[in-house]
C-alpha atoms as a PDB file:
ATOM      1  CA  UNK A   1       4.453 107.166 103.811  1.00  0.00           C
ATOM      2  CA  UNK A   2       8.449 107.442 104.225  1.00  0.00           C
ATOM      3  CA  UNK A   3      10.335 104.434 103.995  1.00  0.00           C
ATOM      4  CA  UNK A   4      13.570 103.255 106.027  1.00  0.00           C
ATOM      5  CA  UNK A   5      15.867 100.939 104.484  1.00  0.00           C
ATOM      6  CA  UNK A   6      18.440  98.662 106.705  1.00  0.00           C
ATOM      7  CA  UNK A   7      21.061  96.636 104.578  1.00  0.00           C
ATOM      8  CA  UNK A   8      22.039  94.119 107.631  1.00  0.00           C
ATOM      9  CA  UNK A   9      23.705  91.519 107.557  1.00  0.00           C
ATOM     10  CA  UNK A  10      21.612  88.330 108.192  1.00  0.00           C
ATOM     11  CA  UNK A  11      17.717  90.419 106.991  1.00  0.00           C
ATOM     12  CA  UNK A  12      16.594  93.460 105.146  1.00  0.00           C
ATOM     13  CA  UNK A  13      14.821  95.701 107.645  1.00  0.00           C
ATOM     14  CA  UNK A  14      11.383  98.142 106.656  1.00  0.00           C
ATOM     15  CA  UNK A  15       9.819 100.372 107.893  1.00  0.00           C
ATOM     16  CA  UNK A  16       6.747 102.843 107.197  1.00  0.00           C
ATOM     17  CA  UNK A  17       6.386 106.447 109.082  1.00  0.00           C
ATOM     18  CA  UNK A  18       2.952 107.984 107.814  1.00  0.00           C
ATOM     19  CA  UNK A  19       3.132 111.031 106.959  1.00  0.00           C
ATOM     20  CA  UNK A  20       0.328 112.621 109.156  1.00  0.00           C
ATOM     21  CA  UNK A  21       1.233 110.765 112.358  1.00  0.00           C
ATOM     22  CA  UNK A  22       4.100 110.793 113.423  1.00  0.00           C
ATOM     23  CA  UNK A  23       4.469 107.888 115.080  1.00  0.00           C
ATOM     24  CA  UNK A  24       2.565 105.349 112.999  1.00  0.00           C
ATOM     25  CA  UNK A  25       5.819 102.720 111.540  1.00  0.00           C
ATOM     26  CA  UNK A  26       4.969  99.758 110.139  1.00  0.00           C
ATOM     27  CA  UNK A  27       8.463  97.475 110.409  1.00  0.00           C
ATOM     28  CA  UNK A  28       8.589  94.347 108.233  1.00  0.00           C
ATOM     29  CA  UNK A  29      12.253  92.343 106.938  1.00  0.00           C
ATOM     30  CA  UNK A  30      13.075  90.574 103.984  1.00  0.00           C
ATOM     31  CA  UNK A  31      15.740  88.008 104.393  1.00  0.00           C
ATOM     32  CA  UNK A  32      18.704  88.172 102.306  1.00  0.00           C
ATOM     33  CA  UNK A  33      18.460  84.762 100.497  1.00  0.00           C
ATOM     34  CA  UNK A  34      15.096  85.201  99.916  1.00  0.00           C
ATOM     35  CA  UNK A  35      15.305  89.083  98.231  1.00  0.00           C
ATOM     36  CA  UNK A  36      18.427  87.420  96.150  1.00  0.00           C
ATOM     37  CA  UNK A  37      16.315  84.367  94.584  1.00  0.00           C
ATOM     38  CA  UNK A  38      13.690  86.871  93.428  1.00  0.00           C
ATOM     39  CA  UNK A  39      13.283  89.392  90.532  1.00  0.00           C
ATOM     40  CA  UNK A  40      13.472  93.229  91.488  1.00  0.00           C
ATOM     41  CA  UNK A  41       9.659  93.530  90.798  1.00  0.00           C
ATOM     42  CA  UNK A  42       8.464  90.724  93.057  1.00  0.00           C
ATOM     43  CA  UNK A  43      10.907  92.783  96.120  1.00  0.00           C
ATOM     44  CA  UNK A  44       8.645  95.919  94.737  1.00  0.00           C
ATOM     45  CA  UNK A  45       5.449  93.521  95.611  1.00  0.00           C
ATOM     46  CA  UNK A  46       7.215  92.389  98.864  1.00  0.00           C
ATOM     47  CA  UNK A  47       7.366  95.755 100.388  1.00  0.00           C
ATOM     48  CA  UNK A  48       3.601  96.492  99.048  1.00  0.00           C
ATOM     49  CA  UNK A  49       2.871  93.568 100.616  1.00  0.00           C
ATOM     50  CA  UNK A  50       5.082  94.293 103.696  1.00  0.00           C
ATOM     51  CA  UNK A  51       4.869  98.263 104.479  1.00  0.00           C
ATOM     52  CA  UNK A  52       0.643  97.610 103.096  1.00  0.00           C
ATOM     53  CA  UNK A  53       1.143 100.381 100.904  1.00  0.00           C
ATOM     54  CA  UNK A  54       1.490 101.123  97.586  1.00  0.00           C
ATOM     55  CA  UNK A  55       4.717 102.050  95.720  1.00  0.00           C
ATOM     56  CA  UNK A  56       3.208 105.557  94.667  1.00  0.00           C
ATOM     57  CA  UNK A  57       2.220 106.205  97.698  1.00  0.00           C
ATOM     58  CA  UNK A  58       6.086 106.187  98.780  1.00  0.00           C
ATOM     59  CA  UNK A  59       7.447 110.103  99.298  1.00  0.00           C
ATOM     60  CA  UNK A  60      10.915 109.602  99.982  1.00  0.00           C
ATOM     61  CA  UNK A  61      13.237 106.027 100.819  1.00  0.00           C
ATOM     62  CA  UNK A  62      15.568 106.489 102.835  1.00  0.00           C
ATOM     63  CA  UNK A  63      18.700 103.521 101.679  1.00  0.00           C
ATOM     64  CA  UNK A  64      21.863 102.079 103.228  1.00  0.00           C
ATOM     65  CA  UNK A  65      23.806  99.908 101.576  1.00  0.00           C
ATOM     66  CA  UNK A  66      26.632  98.030 102.203  1.00  0.00           C
ATOM     67  CA  UNK A  67      29.643  99.627 103.454  1.00  0.00           C
ATOM     68  CA  UNK A  68      28.674 103.064 102.462  1.00  0.00           C
ATOM     69  CA  UNK A  69      32.104 103.954 101.912  1.00  0.00           C
ATOM     70  CA  UNK A  70      32.541 106.372  98.511  1.00  0.00           C
ATOM     71  CA  UNK A  71      30.750 108.842  99.330  1.00  0.00           C
ATOM     72  CA  UNK A  72      30.576 111.078 102.447  1.00  0.00           C
ATOM     73  CA  UNK A  73      26.840 113.428 102.193  1.00  0.00           C
ATOM     74  CA  UNK A  74      23.244 112.454 101.536  1.00  0.00           C
ATOM     75  CA  UNK A  75      22.471 112.295  98.081  1.00  0.00           C
ATOM     76  CA  UNK A  76      19.879 111.411  95.550  1.00  0.00           C
ATOM     77  CA  UNK A  77      20.188 107.425  94.484  1.00  0.00           C
ATOM     78  CA  UNK A  78      20.684 108.575  89.990  1.00  0.00           C
ATOM     79  CA  UNK A  79      24.549 110.130  92.118  1.00  0.00           C
ATOM     80  CA  UNK A  80      25.664 107.754  93.778  1.00  0.00           C
ATOM     81  CA  UNK A  81      28.323 105.770  92.076  1.00  0.00           C
ATOM     82  CA  UNK A  82      28.882 101.840  92.109  1.00  0.00           C
ATOM     83  CA  UNK A  83      26.044 101.950  94.968  1.00  0.00           C
ATOM     84  CA  UNK A  84      28.212 104.257  96.823  1.00  0.00           C
ATOM     85  CA  UNK A  85      30.855 101.727  98.309  1.00  0.00           C
ATOM     86  CA  UNK A  86      34.594 101.783  97.043  1.00  0.00           C
ATOM     87  CA  UNK A  87      36.106  98.818  95.520  1.00  0.00           C
ATOM     88  CA  UNK A  88      35.346  95.150  96.490  1.00  0.00           C
ATOM     89  CA  UNK A  89      32.345  94.730  99.878  1.00  0.00           C
ATOM     90  CA  UNK A  90      33.595  92.913 102.645  1.00  0.00           C
ATOM     91  CA  UNK A  91      32.214  91.121 104.966  1.00  0.00           C
ATOM     92  CA  UNK A  92      28.699  88.586 104.095  1.00  0.00           C
ATOM     93  CA  UNK A  93      28.606  88.693 100.292  1.00  0.00           C
ATOM     94  CA  UNK A  94      24.475  87.031  99.568  1.00  0.00           C
ATOM     95  CA  UNK A  95      23.280  89.173  96.798  1.00  0.00           C
ATOM     96  CA  UNK A  96      20.373  90.397  98.288  1.00  0.00           C
ATOM     97  CA  UNK A  97      20.988  93.530  99.424  1.00  0.00           C
ATOM     98  CA  UNK A  98      22.341  94.632  95.338  1.00  0.00           C
ATOM     99  CA  UNK A  99      19.223  93.054  93.968  1.00  0.00           C
ATOM    100  CA  UNK A 100      16.860  95.206  96.578  1.00  0.00           C
ATOM    101  CA  UNK A 101      19.056  98.715  95.680  1.00  0.00           C
ATOM    102  CA  UNK A 102      18.610  97.479  92.237  1.00  0.00           C
ATOM    103  CA  UNK A 103      14.761  97.386  92.600  1.00  0.00           C
ATOM    104  CA  UNK A 104      14.227 100.585  94.512  1.00  0.00           C
ATOM    105  CA  UNK A 105      16.315 102.350  91.790  1.00  0.00           C
ATOM    106  CA  UNK A 106      14.283 100.400  88.321  1.00  0.00           C
ATOM    107  CA  UNK A 107      11.180 101.362  90.119  1.00  0.00           C
ATOM    108  CA  UNK A 108      11.719 105.037  89.895  1.00  0.00           C
ATOM    109  CA  UNK A 109      10.735 105.261  93.496  1.00  0.00           C
ATOM    110  CA  UNK A 110      12.511 108.806  95.074  1.00  0.00           C
ATOM    111  CA  UNK A 111      15.226 107.967  97.232  1.00  0.00           C
ATOM    112  CA  UNK A 112      18.257 109.389  98.863  1.00  0.00           C
ATOM    113  CA  UNK A 113      21.298 107.477 100.317  1.00  0.00           C
ATOM    114  CA  UNK A 114      23.172 107.368 103.634  1.00  0.00           C
ATOM    115  CA  UNK A 115      26.670 107.344 103.728  1.00  0.00           C
ATOM    116  CA  UNK A 116      28.933 104.850 105.995  1.00  0.00           C
ATOM    117  CA  UNK A 117      31.254 106.914 108.668  1.00  0.00           C
ATOM    118  CA  UNK A 118      34.829 107.008 107.960  1.00  0.00           C
ATOM    119  CA  UNK A 119      37.637 108.497 107.069  1.00  0.00           C
ATOM    120  CA  UNK A 120      36.137 110.740 104.322  1.00  0.00           C
ATOM    121  CA  UNK A 121      33.838 112.001 106.479  1.00  0.00           C
ATOM    122  CA  UNK A 122      33.558 115.658 107.528  1.00  0.00           C
ATOM    123  CA  UNK A 123      32.226 116.125 111.118  1.00  0.00           C
ATOM    124  CA  UNK A 124      33.697 113.216 112.361  1.00  0.00           C
ATOM    125  CA  UNK A 125      37.012 113.450 115.350  1.00  0.00           C
ATOM    126  CA  UNK A 126      39.628 113.757 113.120  1.00  0.00           C
ATOM    127  CA  UNK A 127      41.554 111.185 115.584  1.00  0.00           C
ATOM    128  CA  UNK A 128      39.236 108.794 114.365  1.00  0.00           C
ATOM    129  CA  UNK A 129      40.138 109.202 110.905  1.00  0.00           C
ATOM    130  CA  UNK A 130      42.920 106.734 111.340  1.00  0.00           C
ATOM    131  CA  UNK A 131      40.633 104.559 110.876  1.00  0.00           C
ATOM    132  CA  UNK A 132      39.182 103.956 107.113  1.00  0.00           C
ATOM    133  CA  UNK A 133      35.938 102.922 108.436  1.00  0.00           C
ATOM    134  CA  UNK A 134      34.205 103.061 111.142  1.00  0.00           C
ATOM    135  CA  UNK A 135      30.411 102.385 110.745  1.00  0.00           C
ATOM    136  CA  UNK A 136      27.759 101.399 107.665  1.00  0.00           C
ATOM    137  CA  UNK A 137      25.101 103.722 106.745  1.00  0.00           C
ATOM    138  CA  UNK A 138      22.273 102.105 108.690  1.00  0.00           C
ATOM    139  CA  UNK A 139      24.625 102.828 112.165  1.00  0.00           C
ATOM    140  CA  UNK A 140      23.094 106.626 110.976  1.00  0.00           C
ATOM    141  CA  UNK A 141      20.003 104.879 111.227  1.00  0.00           C
ATOM    142  CA  UNK A 142      20.525 104.215 114.511  1.00  0.00           C
ATOM    143  CA  UNK A 143      21.885 107.492 115.904  1.00  0.00           C
ATOM    144  CA  UNK A 144      19.154 110.039 114.251  1.00  0.00           C
ATOM    145  CA  UNK A 145      16.207 107.478 116.154  1.00  0.00           C
ATOM    146  CA  UNK A 146      18.132 107.441 119.192  1.00  0.00           C
ATOM    147  CA  UNK A 147      18.327 111.764 118.423  1.00  0.00           C
ATOM    148  CA  UNK A 148      14.251 112.101 117.239  1.00  0.00           C
ATOM    149  CA  UNK A 149      13.874 110.833 120.812  1.00  0.00           C
ATOM    150  CA  UNK A 150      15.392 113.945 122.468  1.00  0.00           C
ATOM    151  CA  UNK A 151      18.982 112.451 123.453  1.00  0.00           C
ATOM    152  CA  UNK A 152      21.876 114.969 121.941  1.00  0.00           C
ATOM    153  CA  UNK A 153      24.810 113.284 123.674  1.00  0.00           C
ATOM    154  CA  UNK A 154      24.955 109.005 123.703  1.00  0.00           C
ATOM    155  CA  UNK A 155      27.030 106.010 122.589  1.00  0.00           C
ATOM    156  CA  UNK A 156      24.972 103.119 121.295  1.00  0.00           C
ATOM    157  CA  UNK A 157      26.638  99.272 120.362  1.00  0.00           C
ATOM    158  CA  UNK A 158      24.513  97.617 118.179  1.00  0.00           C
ATOM    159  CA  UNK A 159      25.156  93.906 118.685  1.00  0.00           C
ATOM    160  CA  UNK A 160      23.856  91.584 115.868  1.00  0.00           C
ATOM    161  CA  UNK A 161      26.277  89.213 113.268  1.00  0.00           C
ATOM    162  CA  UNK A 162      28.612  91.915 114.253  1.00  0.00           C
ATOM    163  CA  UNK A 163      29.245  94.321 117.108  1.00  0.00           C
ATOM    164  CA  UNK A 164      29.427  98.687 115.904  1.00  0.00           C
ATOM    165  CA  UNK A 165      29.220 101.138 118.440  1.00  0.00           C
ATOM    166  CA  UNK A 166      29.177 104.981 117.587  1.00  0.00           C
ATOM    167  CA  UNK A 167      28.922 108.136 119.833  1.00  0.00           C
ATOM    168  CA  UNK A 168      26.864 111.258 119.204  1.00  0.00           C
ATOM    169  CA  UNK A 169      28.048 114.534 121.058  1.00  0.00           C
ATOM    170  CA  UNK A 170      25.960 117.952 121.126  1.00  0.00           C
ATOM    171  CA  UNK A 171      24.350 116.440 117.549  1.00  0.00           C
ATOM    172  CA  UNK A 172      27.181 115.626 115.466  1.00  0.00           C
ATOM    173  CA  UNK A 173      28.030 112.304 115.342  1.00  0.00           C
ATOM    174  CA  UNK A 174      31.663 112.189 116.251  1.00  0.00           C
ATOM    175  CA  UNK A 175      32.970 108.482 115.660  1.00  0.00           C
ATOM    176  CA  UNK A 176      32.704 104.727 116.018  1.00  0.00           C
ATOM    177  CA  UNK A 177      33.813 101.069 116.278  1.00  0.00           C
ATOM    178  CA  UNK A 178      33.915  99.159 113.277  1.00  0.00           C
ATOM    179  CA  UNK A 179      32.722  95.438 113.665  1.00  0.00           C
ATOM    180  CA  UNK A 180      36.471  94.409 111.836  1.00  0.00           C
ATOM    181  CA  UNK A 181      38.381  96.546 114.983  1.00  0.00           C
ATOM    182  CA  UNK A 182      37.291  95.597 118.334  1.00  0.00           C
ATOM    183  CA  UNK A 183      34.180  93.740 119.952  1.00  0.00           C
ATOM    184  CA  UNK A 184      33.234  90.452 117.919  1.00  0.00           C
ATOM    185  CA  UNK A 185      29.421  89.712 117.301  1.00  0.00           C
ATOM    186  CA  UNK A 186      27.582  86.547 116.746  1.00  0.00           C
ATOM    187  CA  UNK A 187      29.546  85.743 113.284  1.00  0.00           C
ATOM    188  CA  UNK A 188      32.200  88.685 112.325  1.00  0.00           C
ATOM    189  CA  UNK A 189      34.959  90.293 114.536  1.00  0.00           C
ATOM    190  CA  UNK A 190      38.231  91.210 114.870  1.00  0.00           C
ATOM    191  CA  UNK A 191      40.664  89.226 113.135  1.00  0.00           C
ATOM    192  CA  UNK A 192      43.970  88.354 115.381  1.00  0.00           C
ATOM    193  CA  UNK A 193      46.962  86.869 115.373  1.00  0.00           C
ATOM    194  CA  UNK A 194      45.742  83.373 114.760  1.00  0.00           C
ATOM    195  CA  UNK A 195      43.772  85.047 111.729  1.00  0.00           C
ATOM    196  CA  UNK A 196      46.591  86.649 110.507  1.00  0.00           C
ATOM    197  CA  UNK A 197      48.639  83.592 110.229  1.00  0.00           C
ATOM    198  CA  UNK A 198      45.880  81.332 108.422  1.00  0.00           C
ATOM    199  CA  UNK A 199      45.034  84.104 105.903  1.00  0.00           C
ATOM    200  CA  UNK A 200      49.606  84.387 105.322  1.00  0.00           C
ATOM    201  CA  UNK A 201      49.328  80.824 105.300  1.00  0.00           C
ATOM    202  CA  UNK A 202      46.454  80.648 102.254  1.00  0.00           C
ATOM    203  CA  UNK A 203      44.139  79.241 104.344  1.00  0.00           C
ATOM    204  CA  UNK A 204      41.528  81.608 104.789  1.00  0.00           C
ATOM    205  CA  UNK A 205      41.401  84.871 103.064  1.00  0.00           C
ATOM    206  CA  UNK A 206      40.855  88.351 104.991  1.00  0.00           C
ATOM    207  CA  UNK A 207      36.911  88.122 104.497  1.00  0.00           C
ATOM    208  CA  UNK A 208      36.480  84.780 105.541  1.00  0.00           C
ATOM    209  CA  UNK A 209      38.802  85.436 108.687  1.00  0.00           C
ATOM    210  CA  UNK A 210      36.145  88.626 109.282  1.00  0.00           C
ATOM    211  CA  UNK A 211      33.504  86.932 108.697  1.00  0.00           C
ATOM    212  CA  UNK A 212      34.121  83.781 110.557  1.00  0.00           C
ATOM    213  CA  UNK A 213      35.327  85.570 113.716  1.00  0.00           C
ATOM    214  CA  UNK A 214      32.533  86.284 115.297  1.00  0.00           C
ATOM    215  CA  UNK A 215      31.264  84.071 119.130  1.00  0.00           C
ATOM    216  CA  UNK A 216      29.653  81.318 117.069  1.00  0.00           C
ATOM    217  CA  UNK A 217      31.871  80.275 114.598  1.00  0.00           C
ATOM    218  CA  UNK A 218      35.176  81.128 115.584  1.00  0.00           C
ATOM    219  CA  UNK A 219      37.178  77.871 117.215  1.00  0.00           C
ATOM    220  CA  UNK A 220      37.960  78.471 120.361  1.00  0.00           C
ATOM    221  CA  UNK A 221      34.650  76.941 122.204  1.00  0.00           C
ATOM    222  CA  UNK A 222      35.067  74.383 124.194  1.00  0.00           C
ATOM    223  CA  UNK A 223      32.247  71.075 124.525  1.00  0.00           C
ATOM    224  CA  UNK A 224      33.302  71.094 128.232  1.00  0.00           C
ATOM    225  CA  UNK A 225      31.896  74.866 128.729  1.00  0.00           C
ATOM    226  CA  UNK A 226      28.203  76.185 129.122  1.00  0.00           C
ATOM    227  CA  UNK A 227      28.210  77.185 125.555  1.00  0.00           C
ATOM    228  CA  UNK A 228      25.470  79.967 125.862  1.00  0.00           C
ATOM    229  CA  UNK A 229      26.505  81.040 128.819  1.00  0.00           C
ATOM    230  CA  UNK A 230      30.313  82.036 127.817  1.00  0.00           C
ATOM    231  CA  UNK A 231      28.654  83.205 124.172  1.00  0.00           C
ATOM    232  CA  UNK A 232      26.367  85.648 126.579  1.00  0.00           C
ATOM    233  CA  UNK A 233      29.317  86.410 128.669  1.00  0.00           C
ATOM    234  CA  UNK A 234      31.886  87.220 125.759  1.00  0.00           C
ATOM    235  CA  UNK A 235      29.256  89.787 124.239  1.00  0.00           C
ATOM    236  CA  UNK A 236      28.803  91.847 126.964  1.00  0.00           C
ATOM    237  CA  UNK A 237      32.134  91.740 127.661  1.00  0.00           C
ATOM    238  CA  UNK A 238      32.984  92.896 125.142  1.00  0.00           C
ATOM    239  CA  UNK A 239      30.692  95.223 123.889  1.00  0.00           C
ATOM    240  CA  UNK A 240      31.041  96.844 127.060  1.00  0.00           C
ATOM    241  CA  UNK A 241      34.448  97.717 126.600  1.00  0.00           C
ATOM    242  CA  UNK A 242      33.947  98.879 123.098  1.00  0.00           C
ATOM    243  CA  UNK A 243      31.389 101.810 125.144  1.00  0.00           C
ATOM    244  CA  UNK A 244      33.984 102.788 127.862  1.00  0.00           C
ATOM    245  CA  UNK A 245      36.672 103.084 125.122  1.00  0.00           C
ATOM    246  CA  UNK A 246      33.596 105.958 123.145  1.00  0.00           C
ATOM    247  CA  UNK A 247      33.177 107.371 126.616  1.00  0.00           C
ATOM    248  CA  UNK A 248      36.592 107.951 126.533  1.00  0.00           C
ATOM    249  CA  UNK A 249      36.401 110.440 123.410  1.00  0.00           C
ATOM    250  CA  UNK A 250      33.138 111.911 124.661  1.00  0.00           C
ATOM    251  CA  UNK A 251      34.853 113.348 127.324  1.00  0.00           C
ATOM    252  CA  UNK A 252      36.833 115.318 125.160  1.00  0.00           C
ATOM    253  CA  UNK A 253      33.318 116.967 124.141  1.00  0.00           C
ATOM    254  CA  UNK A 254      32.095 117.329 127.488  1.00  0.00           C
ATOM    255  CA  UNK A 255      29.687 115.012 126.882  1.00  0.00           C
ATOM    256  CA  UNK A 256      30.588 112.331 130.084  1.00  0.00           C
ATOM    257  CA  UNK A 257      27.133 111.673 131.241  1.00  0.00           C
ATOM    258  CA  UNK A 258      26.452 110.782 128.088  1.00  0.00           C
ATOM    259  CA  UNK A 259      22.970 107.482 127.254  1.00  0.00           C
ATOM    260  CA  UNK A 260      24.259 104.723 126.719  1.00  0.00           C
ATOM    261  CA  UNK A 261      22.031 102.434 124.455  1.00  0.00           C
ATOM    262  CA  UNK A 262      21.772  98.986 123.210  1.00  0.00           C
ATOM    263  CA  UNK A 263      19.920  97.483 119.559  1.00  0.00           C
ATOM    264  CA  UNK A 264      20.527  95.034 117.637  1.00  0.00           C
ATOM    265  CA  UNK A 265      19.206  91.126 117.382  1.00  0.00           C
ATOM    266  CA  UNK A 266      21.466  90.367 120.682  1.00  0.00           C
ATOM    267  CA  UNK A 267      21.024  93.958 121.958  1.00  0.00           C
ATOM    268  CA  UNK A 268      17.850  94.271 122.598  1.00  0.00           C
ATOM    269  CA  UNK A 269      18.031  90.870 124.792  1.00  0.00           C
ATOM    270  CA  UNK A 270      17.120  92.056 128.571  1.00  0.00           C
ATOM    271  CA  UNK A 271      20.018  88.931 129.013  1.00  0.00           C
ATOM    272  CA  UNK A 272      23.235  91.293 126.885  1.00  0.00           C
ATOM    273  CA  UNK A 273      21.326  93.719 128.815  1.00  0.00           C
ATOM    274  CA  UNK A 274      21.349  93.118 132.328  1.00  0.00           C
ATOM    275  CA  UNK A 275      25.385  91.817 131.803  1.00  0.00           C
ATOM    276  CA  UNK A 276      26.158  95.443 129.856  1.00  0.00           C
ATOM    277  CA  UNK A 277      24.229  97.394 132.889  1.00  0.00           C
ATOM    278  CA  UNK A 278      26.480  95.545 135.584  1.00  0.00           C
ATOM    279  CA  UNK A 279      30.627  95.762 133.654  1.00  0.00           C
ATOM    280  CA  UNK A 280      29.547  99.323 133.407  1.00  0.00           C
ATOM    281  CA  UNK A 281      27.244 100.156 137.028  1.00  0.00           C
ATOM    282  CA  UNK A 282      24.874 102.586 134.489  1.00  0.00           C
ATOM    283  CA  UNK A 283      21.139 101.750 133.360  1.00  0.00           C
ATOM    284  CA  UNK A 284      20.833 100.882 129.608  1.00  0.00           C
ATOM    285  CA  UNK A 285      18.599 102.082 127.108  1.00  0.00           C
ATOM    286  CA  UNK A 286      17.329  99.411 124.543  1.00  0.00           C
ATOM    287  CA  UNK A 287      16.105  99.922 121.534  1.00  0.00           C
ATOM    288  CA  UNK A 288      14.359  96.975 118.903  1.00  0.00           C
ATOM    289  CA  UNK A 289      16.468  95.805 116.136  1.00  0.00           C
ATOM    290  CA  UNK A 290      14.115  97.847 114.099  1.00  0.00           C
ATOM    291  CA  UNK A 291      15.916 101.248 114.960  1.00  0.00           C
ATOM    292  CA  UNK A 292      17.679 101.121 111.868  1.00  0.00           C
ATOM    293  CA  UNK A 293      14.986 101.281 109.345  1.00  0.00           C
ATOM    294  CA  UNK A 294      12.833 103.400 111.460  1.00  0.00           C
ATOM    295  CA  UNK A 295      16.034 106.177 111.871  1.00  0.00           C
ATOM    296  CA  UNK A 296      16.434 106.090 108.064  1.00  0.00           C
ATOM    297  CA  UNK A 297      12.644 106.604 107.734  1.00  0.00           C
ATOM    298  CA  UNK A 298      12.366 109.478 110.303  1.00  0.00           C
ATOM    299  CA  UNK A 299      15.703 111.122 107.745  1.00  0.00           C
ATOM    300  CA  UNK A 300      13.315 110.813 104.452  1.00  0.00           C
ATOM    301  CA  UNK A 301      10.512 112.429 106.073  1.00  0.00           C
ATOM    302  CA  UNK A 302      13.336 115.571 107.824  1.00  0.00           C
ATOM    303  CA  UNK A 303      14.965 116.041 104.564  1.00  0.00           C
ATOM    304  CA  UNK A 304      11.556 115.922 102.425  1.00  0.00           C
ATOM    305  CA  UNK A 305      10.371 119.043 104.212  1.00  0.00           C
ATOM    306  CA  UNK A 306      14.112 120.970 103.938  1.00  0.00           C
ATOM    307  CA  UNK A 307      16.498 119.495 106.736  1.00  0.00           C
ATOM    308  CA  UNK A 308      19.539 119.423 105.490  1.00  0.00           C
ATOM    309  CA  UNK A 309      21.750 118.666 107.953  1.00  0.00           C
ATOM    310  CA  UNK A 310      21.599 115.146 109.732  1.00  0.00           C
ATOM    311  CA  UNK A 311      23.728 114.325 113.058  1.00  0.00           C
ATOM    312  CA  UNK A 312      26.476 116.602 110.754  1.00  0.00           C
ATOM    313  CA  UNK A 313      25.961 114.364 107.588  1.00  0.00           C
ATOM    314  CA  UNK A 314      24.776 117.338 104.546  1.00  0.00           C
ATOM    315  CA  UNK A 315      22.060 116.555 102.401  1.00  0.00           C
ATOM    316  CA  UNK A 316      23.331 117.525  99.256  1.00  0.00           C
ATOM    317  CA  UNK A 317      19.932 117.414  96.929  1.00  0.00           C
END
């Protein structure tokens, strides 16, 4: 069995891929709050129950954690310092992801770490390195899951607690737009002028501003407006604009007719898909919110059997 782990903002998603059956997949989700409250041994028991396996049956785990911005190649978990994060973490800090990381490492389960996409990533477009961080490691899992479906030129937008959009051309990740740069998600989003003022005035830390700049948390909804419709319209508009921005980059790689995928807890909803399809005049392809975890499991399997290049990311084992 090969296991992929998606360290999400709200929950930690796991996918198990059987060795002998290409598409035999099991999935489950553990809330970050619960993971923070239980012991490492109990976390392993939860994984065993959720994926219906024993830890000793796992051939390899592909693990994602936080920003993954302190390394740029796929590495053995024992070779990654500070859990693969440069400096202090940004975004929601609960402690559950840290507990899962430590539980898997301490259990001695063979594990590789997936890096995020950032300025130190070798193969991304050099212009995208203007941004220090482009996407967290689980987005590499989403991209690989799409790649394994047979697509080499595509864009996907992961819309959930935050929104991240990534572009892949000729089977290589060429860039991504991270949550703190452009399109908001439900809870997290970019820091605009008003939030800059509140940070300067000491009312908020930068991380508090980012973590509360999503469409459900930012102070902009009016009681007189049909809020649910406005939330969906806003998420869809900015996600569509972000996808359009990545289409510009794709043109430089001769991939202007690339496929567009949607994933995440919001991205998988028909209401979001319908709006984005209309705005972009395309037929987007939906993916389950477990696509990141499944893609990581697929990475684990392929690396186990000798693959040393994952969408332009070297596997250094």
